[in-house]
Amino acid sequence: MIISSSRPLGPMQTLRQGLAALLLVFAGAAYGQTSSDYAVVDGVTIYYAVLPAEMLRGFPPGSDEVQMHGGVPGGKHVHHVQIALFDAGTSVRITDARVTATVAEVGLSSEELILKPFLVGDALTYGGYFEFQKRELYKIDVRAALPDGGRVIEKTFNYRHQ
């Protein structure tokens, strides 16, 4: 399924979204490193972000952010990896994909996880929790089986954990 929001945002919605984005930036500085990047692969724009779990633990108990994926795991090295997919030509968000991520410290064994869909506002995104224990370079291999007949795209992102 591919979805997009074609209704224009009102001034209050625009203000709220802007404030939410600023809070995430400042929260990232307060809690530790956040990282994001994007790439275009075979007509699909893949965005990724890595956020410290501490950011999510700061939300009120019972909130969607705290409960997603079965709850925020304990531990100080836990991070949330988020992936968003868009048609590169139309900028329409792609949903109903099967997305996995494999995270590995360069040269060492990896951990693979099926990323679960969740909503950021009204926008579907995929995510899961990984542990980044060392201040090293990690590879995040993203694989997405798209809903358009089985096409699969893959991209490796480098993430330096600080």
Protein backbone atom coordinates (compact mmCIF):
# COMPACT_ATOMS: atom_id res chain seq x y z
CA MET A 1 0.00 0.00 0.00
CA ILE A 2 1.27 3.51 -0.80
CA ILE A 3 -0.20 6.41 1.15
CA SER A 4 0.26 10.13 1.28
CA SER A 5 -1.39 13.03 2.94
CA SER A 6 -2.77 15.46 0.39
CA ARG A 7 -4.65 17.69 2.80
CA PRO A 8 -2.85 20.93 3.61
CA LEU A 9 -1.72 21.52 7.15
CA GLY A 10 -3.24 24.35 9.12
CA PRO A 11 -1.01 26.91 10.87
CA MET A 12 -1.33 25.17 14.27
CA GLN A 13 -0.46 21.74 12.82
CA THR A 14 2.55 23.22 11.03
CA LEU A 15 3.67 24.91 14.25
CA ARG A 16 3.24 21.68 16.27
CA GLN A 17 5.22 19.64 13.76
CA GLY A 18 7.98 22.25 13.71
CA LEU A 19 8.15 22.27 17.49
CA ALA A 20 8.20 18.47 17.61
CA ALA A 21 11.12 18.41 15.16
CA LEU A 22 13.02 20.97 17.23
CA LEU A 23 12.39 19.00 20.41
CA LEU A 24 13.82 15.88 18.80
CA VAL A 25 16.95 17.79 17.74
CA PHE A 26 17.48 19.27 21.21
CA ALA A 27 16.59 16.00 22.95
CA GLY A 28 19.17 14.25 20.78
CA ALA A 29 21.83 16.70 21.92
CA ALA A 30 20.80 16.20 25.54
CA TYR A 31 20.63 12.41 25.47
CA GLY A 32 23.45 11.54 23.12
CA GLN A 33 24.09 11.12 19.48
CA THR A 34 21.36 10.80 16.93
CA SER A 35 22.17 10.02 13.34
CA SER A 36 20.26 10.08 10.08
CA ASP A 37 20.89 9.79 6.38
CA TYR A 38 19.14 8.80 3.19
CA ALA A 39 19.84 7.18 -0.16
CA VAL A 40 17.93 6.56 -3.37
CA VAL A 41 17.96 2.92 -4.51
CA ASP A 42 16.10 1.72 -7.61
CA GLY A 43 13.57 4.56 -7.49
CA VAL A 44 12.99 4.36 -3.71
CA THR A 45 14.24 6.91 -1.20
CA ILE A 46 15.31 5.23 2.03
CA TYR A 47 15.64 7.40 5.13
CA TYR A 48 17.21 6.02 8.28
CA ALA A 49 17.61 7.42 11.77
CA VAL A 50 19.21 6.09 14.94
CA LEU A 51 17.87 7.53 18.21
CA PRO A 52 18.93 6.73 21.77
CA ALA A 53 16.24 4.80 23.65
CA GLU A 54 16.54 7.38 26.44
CA MET A 55 14.64 9.78 24.21
CA LEU A 56 11.69 7.40 24.09
CA ARG A 57 11.84 6.60 27.80
CA GLY A 58 11.21 10.30 28.43
CA PHE A 59 7.65 10.10 27.09
CA PRO A 60 4.78 9.63 29.57
CA PRO A 61 4.02 6.05 30.68
CA GLY A 62 1.36 4.51 28.47
CA SER A 63 2.15 6.76 25.49
CA ASP A 64 2.48 5.24 22.02
CA GLU A 65 6.21 6.07 21.97
CA VAL A 66 6.87 4.10 25.16
CA GLN A 67 4.70 1.14 24.11
CA MET A 68 5.76 0.67 20.48
CA HIS A 69 7.42 -2.63 19.61
CA GLY A 70 6.37 -4.06 22.97
CA GLY A 71 8.04 -1.36 25.05
CA VAL A 72 11.44 0.29 25.27
CA PRO A 73 14.07 -2.26 26.36
CA GLY A 74 16.29 -1.49 29.34
CA GLY A 75 19.99 -0.78 29.03
CA LYS A 76 22.04 2.29 28.32
CA HIS A 77 23.29 1.15 24.91
CA VAL A 78 19.87 0.55 23.32
CA HIS A 79 18.94 2.63 20.28
CA HIS A 80 15.89 2.75 18.04
CA VAL A 81 16.61 2.31 14.32
CA GLN A 82 13.92 3.87 12.10
CA ILE A 83 13.43 3.43 8.36
CA ALA A 84 11.05 5.36 6.12
CA LEU A 85 10.47 4.53 2.44
CA PHE A 86 9.24 6.85 -0.32
CA ASP A 87 8.75 6.62 -4.07
CA ALA A 88 11.64 8.79 -5.27
CA GLY A 89 9.69 10.15 -8.24
CA THR A 90 6.51 11.13 -6.45
CA SER A 91 7.62 11.43 -2.78
CA VAL A 92 4.67 9.21 -1.83
CA ARG A 93 5.31 7.17 1.32
CA ILE A 94 5.55 3.40 0.77
CA THR A 95 3.78 1.18 3.29
CA ASP A 96 3.15 -2.57 3.42
CA ALA A 97 6.81 -3.30 2.74
CA ARG A 98 8.66 -5.99 4.67
CA VAL A 99 11.70 -4.26 6.09
CA THR A 100 14.63 -5.85 7.90
CA ALA A 101 17.80 -4.33 9.27
CA THR A 102 21.03 -6.04 10.09
CA VAL A 103 23.37 -4.19 12.43
CA ALA A 104 27.00 -5.17 12.86
CA GLU A 105 30.16 -3.66 14.16
CA VAL A 106 32.42 -3.60 11.10
CA GLY A 107 34.16 -6.97 10.80
CA LEU A 108 32.12 -8.72 13.51
CA SER A 109 28.94 -10.78 13.68
CA SER A 110 25.59 -9.15 13.05
CA GLU A 111 22.08 -9.04 14.48
CA GLU A 112 19.09 -9.06 12.13
CA LEU A 113 15.67 -7.78 13.07
CA ILE A 114 12.37 -7.50 11.22
CA LEU A 115 11.46 -3.84 11.63
CA LYS A 116 7.91 -3.32 12.81
CA PRO A 117 5.64 -0.64 11.37
CA PHE A 118 4.65 2.21 13.67
CA LEU A 119 3.20 5.69 13.25
CA VAL A 120 5.08 8.95 13.64
CA GLY A 121 2.16 11.35 13.68
CA ASP A 122 0.09 10.02 10.78
CA ALA A 123 3.10 8.66 8.85
CA LEU A 124 3.97 4.97 8.81
CA THR A 125 7.61 4.20 9.57
CA TYR A 126 9.47 0.95 10.36
CA GLY A 127 11.62 0.47 13.44
CA GLY A 128 13.26 -1.73 16.00
CA TYR A 129 15.69 -1.68 18.90
CA PHE A 130 19.38 -2.57 18.64
CA GLU A 131 22.27 -2.37 21.07
CA PHE A 132 25.32 -0.30 20.14
CA GLN A 133 27.74 -1.10 22.96
CA LYS A 134 31.02 0.22 21.61
CA ARG A 135 32.03 3.57 20.22
CA GLU A 136 32.78 2.11 16.82
CA LEU A 137 31.70 2.12 13.20
CA TYR A 138 28.63 -0.02 12.53
CA LYS A 139 27.03 -1.14 9.30
CA ILE A 140 23.26 -0.97 9.08
CA ASP A 141 22.11 -3.14 6.18
CA VAL A 142 18.53 -2.32 5.21
CA ARG A 143 16.50 -4.71 3.08
CA ALA A 144 12.97 -3.86 1.95
CA ALA A 145 10.67 -6.22 0.06
CA LEU A 146 8.31 -3.79 -1.65
CA PRO A 147 4.58 -4.36 -2.14
CA ASP A 148 4.86 -3.89 -5.92
CA GLY A 149 5.32 -7.49 -6.98
CA GLY A 150 8.20 -8.64 -4.85
CA ARG A 151 10.91 -6.15 -5.79
CA VAL A 152 13.62 -6.04 -3.12
CA ILE A 153 15.93 -3.10 -2.49
CA GLU A 154 19.00 -3.08 -0.27
CA LYS A 155 21.25 -0.36 1.11
CA THR A 156 24.07 -0.28 3.64
CA PHE A 157 24.44 2.78 5.84
CA ASN A 158 27.46 3.49 8.02
CA TYR A 159 26.76 4.66 11.55
CA ARG A 160 29.52 5.80 13.88
CA HIS A 161 28.37 5.32 17.46
CA GLN A 162 29.81 8.03 19.71
